[in-house]
Amino acid sequence: MKEALPNPPPALPPSPRWQERVSGLTPEGVERRAEEFFEKGGFHCAESMMLAFGEAFDLPVDLRYVRGFGGGLGQGRCLCGAVNGAAVFLGLLLSEERGADEARGGGRDHQRHSRVDQAIQRLESLFKGRYRANCCKWLTRKIEWGTPAHLEHCVSLTGETAKMLLRVLQEEADPALAAGPSDRSAR
């Protein structure tokens, strides 16, 4: 007899007014705030993304979910923590309860992508359009790890990623804002 899997706890719904809030945010404002959390607050890139956007949307964030993302997944210098933090925030803000018919991922149904998947793919496209890759090792290849130049580079990259995340969220709130496929730069 196959044991039934437990149902996940229901997600805390974001403010139903997030679409209204996002229109009042500016790229410069989210960039500045993400950079401040990183540079002056002692948080790493993923934490800074979560804190800046949690503050902007008045959502509580639990940094334990992104604690191991700085320096590229457990300091492994792989996927950029700013991208990871942005992806986690997209999941937090855009996720809806998943019905039984929505089992996907892990090879289940690669043709059907959720709203969160699509938003993350747009973010990833913007990021790679700007930086050509999303791997910390590649993004910092010309910088000595742990130096002031490294910090400065990653603070700036986190700010730029915040602007990209805002763009994706604004497009989610108002699909008419979505750029054409040839526009691959952040606003």
Protein backbone atom coordinates (compact mmCIF):
# COMPACT_ATOMS: atom_id res chain seq x y z
CA MET A 1 0.00 0.00 0.00
CA LYS A 2 1.42 3.35 -1.06
CA GLU A 3 1.60 5.89 1.73
CA ALA A 4 -0.05 9.22 0.98
CA LEU A 5 2.24 12.20 1.03
CA PRO A 6 1.32 14.94 3.47
CA ASN A 7 -0.11 18.13 2.06
CA PRO A 8 2.27 21.07 2.32
CA PRO A 9 1.17 23.82 4.67
CA PRO A 10 -0.69 26.60 2.87
CA ALA A 11 1.50 29.46 1.75
CA LEU A 12 1.00 32.82 3.37
CA PRO A 13 -0.69 34.84 0.67
CA PRO A 14 1.01 38.04 -0.35
CA SER A 15 -0.85 41.27 0.01
CA PRO A 16 -3.57 41.27 -2.64
CA ARG A 17 -2.39 44.76 -3.46
CA TRP A 18 1.13 43.80 -4.56
CA GLN A 19 0.26 44.78 -8.14
CA GLU A 20 -0.55 48.29 -6.94
CA ARG A 21 2.62 48.47 -4.84
CA VAL A 22 4.91 47.40 -7.68
CA SER A 23 3.85 50.33 -9.85
CA GLY A 24 5.14 52.74 -7.21
CA LEU A 25 8.62 51.21 -7.08
CA THR A 26 11.51 52.55 -9.11
CA PRO A 27 14.50 50.65 -10.48
CA GLU A 28 16.83 53.09 -8.74
CA GLY A 29 15.02 52.65 -5.42
CA VAL A 30 15.18 48.84 -5.36
CA GLU A 31 18.76 48.93 -6.65
CA ARG A 32 19.82 51.30 -3.88
CA ARG A 33 18.06 49.33 -1.15
CA ALA A 34 19.46 45.95 -2.23
CA GLU A 35 22.93 47.46 -2.41
CA GLU A 36 22.56 49.02 1.05
CA PHE A 37 21.58 45.72 2.65
CA PHE A 38 24.59 44.05 1.03
CA GLU A 39 27.23 46.74 1.46
CA LYS A 40 26.25 48.28 4.78
CA GLY A 41 23.98 45.71 6.37
CA GLY A 42 26.33 42.76 6.30
CA PHE A 43 23.94 40.58 4.31
CA HIS A 44 24.96 38.59 1.26
CA CYS A 45 23.43 38.93 -2.20
CA ALA A 46 20.47 36.54 -1.80
CA GLU A 47 19.59 37.90 1.63
CA SER A 48 19.82 41.45 0.32
CA MET A 49 17.36 40.66 -2.48
CA MET A 50 14.88 39.14 -0.05
CA LEU A 51 15.20 42.00 2.43
CA ALA A 52 14.88 44.76 -0.17
CA PHE A 53 11.81 43.25 -1.80
CA GLY A 54 10.24 42.06 1.44
CA GLU A 55 10.49 45.65 2.65
CA ALA A 56 9.13 47.05 -0.62
CA PHE A 57 6.10 44.75 -0.53
CA ASP A 58 5.67 44.75 3.26
CA LEU A 59 6.11 40.97 3.36
CA PRO A 60 7.87 39.18 6.17
CA VAL A 61 10.84 37.20 4.91
CA ASP A 62 12.69 34.40 6.61
CA LEU A 63 16.34 34.59 5.63
CA ARG A 64 16.91 30.97 6.63
CA TYR A 65 15.52 29.97 3.23
CA VAL A 66 18.31 31.79 1.40
CA ARG A 67 21.10 31.62 3.99
CA GLY A 68 23.18 29.16 1.95
CA PHE A 69 22.82 30.96 -1.39
CA GLY A 70 25.52 33.63 -0.99
CA GLY A 71 28.71 32.98 -2.91
CA GLY A 72 26.86 30.67 -5.26
CA LEU A 73 25.07 27.86 -3.41
CA GLY A 74 26.99 27.27 -0.22
CA GLN A 75 30.01 29.28 -1.31
CA GLY A 76 30.43 26.82 -4.19
CA ARG A 77 30.56 29.75 -6.60
CA CYS A 78 27.88 28.30 -8.83
CA LEU A 79 24.47 29.96 -9.38
CA CYS A 80 24.64 33.64 -8.39
CA GLY A 81 23.01 34.29 -5.02
CA ALA A 82 21.32 37.46 -6.28
CA VAL A 83 19.55 35.38 -8.93
CA ASN A 84 18.69 32.73 -6.33
CA GLY A 85 17.27 35.34 -3.95
CA ALA A 86 15.24 36.91 -6.75
CA ALA A 87 13.87 33.49 -7.75
CA VAL A 88 12.86 32.72 -4.17
CA PHE A 89 11.08 36.06 -3.93
CA LEU A 90 9.24 35.39 -7.20
CA GLY A 91 8.06 32.10 -5.72
CA LEU A 92 6.97 33.84 -2.53
CA LEU A 93 5.03 36.55 -4.33
CA LEU A 94 3.61 34.70 -7.32
CA SER A 95 2.93 31.19 -6.03
CA GLU A 96 -0.58 29.99 -5.78
CA GLU A 97 -1.91 26.87 -4.15
CA ARG A 98 -0.97 23.93 -6.33
CA GLY A 99 -3.81 21.62 -7.29
CA ALA A 100 -3.46 17.89 -7.81
CA ASP A 101 -3.40 18.41 -11.57
CA GLU A 102 -0.33 20.65 -11.34
CA ALA A 103 2.28 18.01 -10.59
CA ARG A 104 5.11 19.10 -12.82
CA GLY A 105 8.84 19.48 -12.79
CA GLY A 106 11.36 16.76 -12.18
CA GLY A 107 10.56 15.35 -15.61
CA ARG A 108 6.83 15.18 -14.98
CA ASP A 109 5.67 17.71 -17.56
CA HIS A 110 8.34 19.90 -19.06
CA GLN A 111 5.84 21.49 -21.44
CA ARG A 112 3.77 23.10 -18.72
CA HIS A 113 5.40 25.87 -16.74
CA SER A 114 3.82 27.65 -13.82
CA ARG A 115 3.59 31.40 -13.53
CA VAL A 116 6.57 31.30 -11.17
CA ASP A 117 8.61 29.20 -13.64
CA GLN A 118 7.87 31.63 -16.44
CA ALA A 119 8.78 34.66 -14.34
CA ILE A 120 12.06 33.04 -13.25
CA GLN A 121 12.84 32.21 -16.88
CA ARG A 122 12.31 35.88 -17.82
CA LEU A 123 14.56 36.98 -14.96
CA GLU A 124 17.20 34.49 -16.04
CA SER A 125 16.97 35.74 -19.62
CA LEU A 126 17.48 39.34 -18.51
CA PHE A 127 20.41 38.37 -16.32
CA LYS A 128 22.14 36.28 -18.96
CA GLY A 129 21.42 38.95 -21.56
CA ARG A 130 23.35 41.39 -19.42
CA TYR A 131 26.10 39.19 -17.97
CA ARG A 132 26.20 36.21 -20.40
CA ALA A 133 26.20 33.72 -17.50
CA ASN A 134 24.75 33.27 -14.03
CA CYS A 135 27.63 31.43 -12.35
CA CYS A 136 29.58 33.27 -9.62
CA LYS A 137 32.79 31.65 -10.78
CA TRP A 138 32.35 33.15 -14.25
CA LEU A 139 30.92 36.48 -13.05
CA THR A 140 33.92 37.04 -10.76
CA ARG A 141 36.59 35.40 -12.91
CA LYS A 142 38.66 38.60 -13.17
CA ILE A 143 38.37 39.52 -9.49
CA GLU A 144 40.17 38.06 -6.50
CA TRP A 145 37.56 36.46 -4.25
CA GLY A 146 37.14 38.16 -0.86
CA THR A 147 38.73 41.47 -1.80
CA PRO A 148 37.12 44.93 -1.67
CA ALA A 149 36.87 44.78 -5.49
CA HIS A 150 34.92 41.53 -5.15
CA LEU A 151 32.50 43.11 -2.67
CA GLU A 152 32.05 46.18 -4.86
CA HIS A 153 31.40 44.01 -7.93
CA CYS A 154 28.84 41.83 -6.16
CA VAL A 155 27.08 44.78 -4.53
CA SER A 156 26.65 46.33 -7.98
CA LEU A 157 25.53 43.03 -9.50
CA THR A 158 22.95 42.64 -6.71
CA GLY A 159 21.60 46.13 -7.41
CA GLU A 160 21.32 45.37 -11.13
CA THR A 161 19.55 42.09 -10.37
CA ALA A 162 17.09 43.98 -8.16
CA LYS A 163 16.22 46.18 -11.13
CA MET A 164 15.69 43.07 -13.26
CA LEU A 165 13.46 41.51 -10.61
CA LEU A 166 11.40 44.70 -10.44
CA ARG A 167 11.00 44.65 -14.19
CA VAL A 168 9.71 41.06 -14.13
CA LEU A 169 7.30 41.91 -11.29
CA GLN A 170 6.02 44.99 -13.13
CA GLU A 171 5.43 42.84 -16.21
CA GLU A 172 3.55 40.32 -14.05
CA ALA A 173 1.37 43.09 -12.66
CA ASP A 174 0.79 44.62 -16.10
CA PRO A 175 1.55 42.28 -19.03
CA ALA A 176 1.35 45.24 -21.42
CA LEU A 177 4.74 46.30 -20.01
CA ALA A 178 6.40 43.10 -21.20
CA ALA A 179 9.23 43.86 -23.58
CA GLY A 180 9.68 42.16 -26.91
CA PRO A 181 12.11 39.26 -27.27
CA SER A 182 14.83 41.49 -28.69
CA ASP A 183 14.95 43.71 -25.58
CA ARG A 184 17.31 41.80 -23.29
CA SER A 185 18.56 44.58 -21.05
CA ALA A 186 17.23 45.68 -17.68
CA ARG A 187 15.38 48.95 -17.61
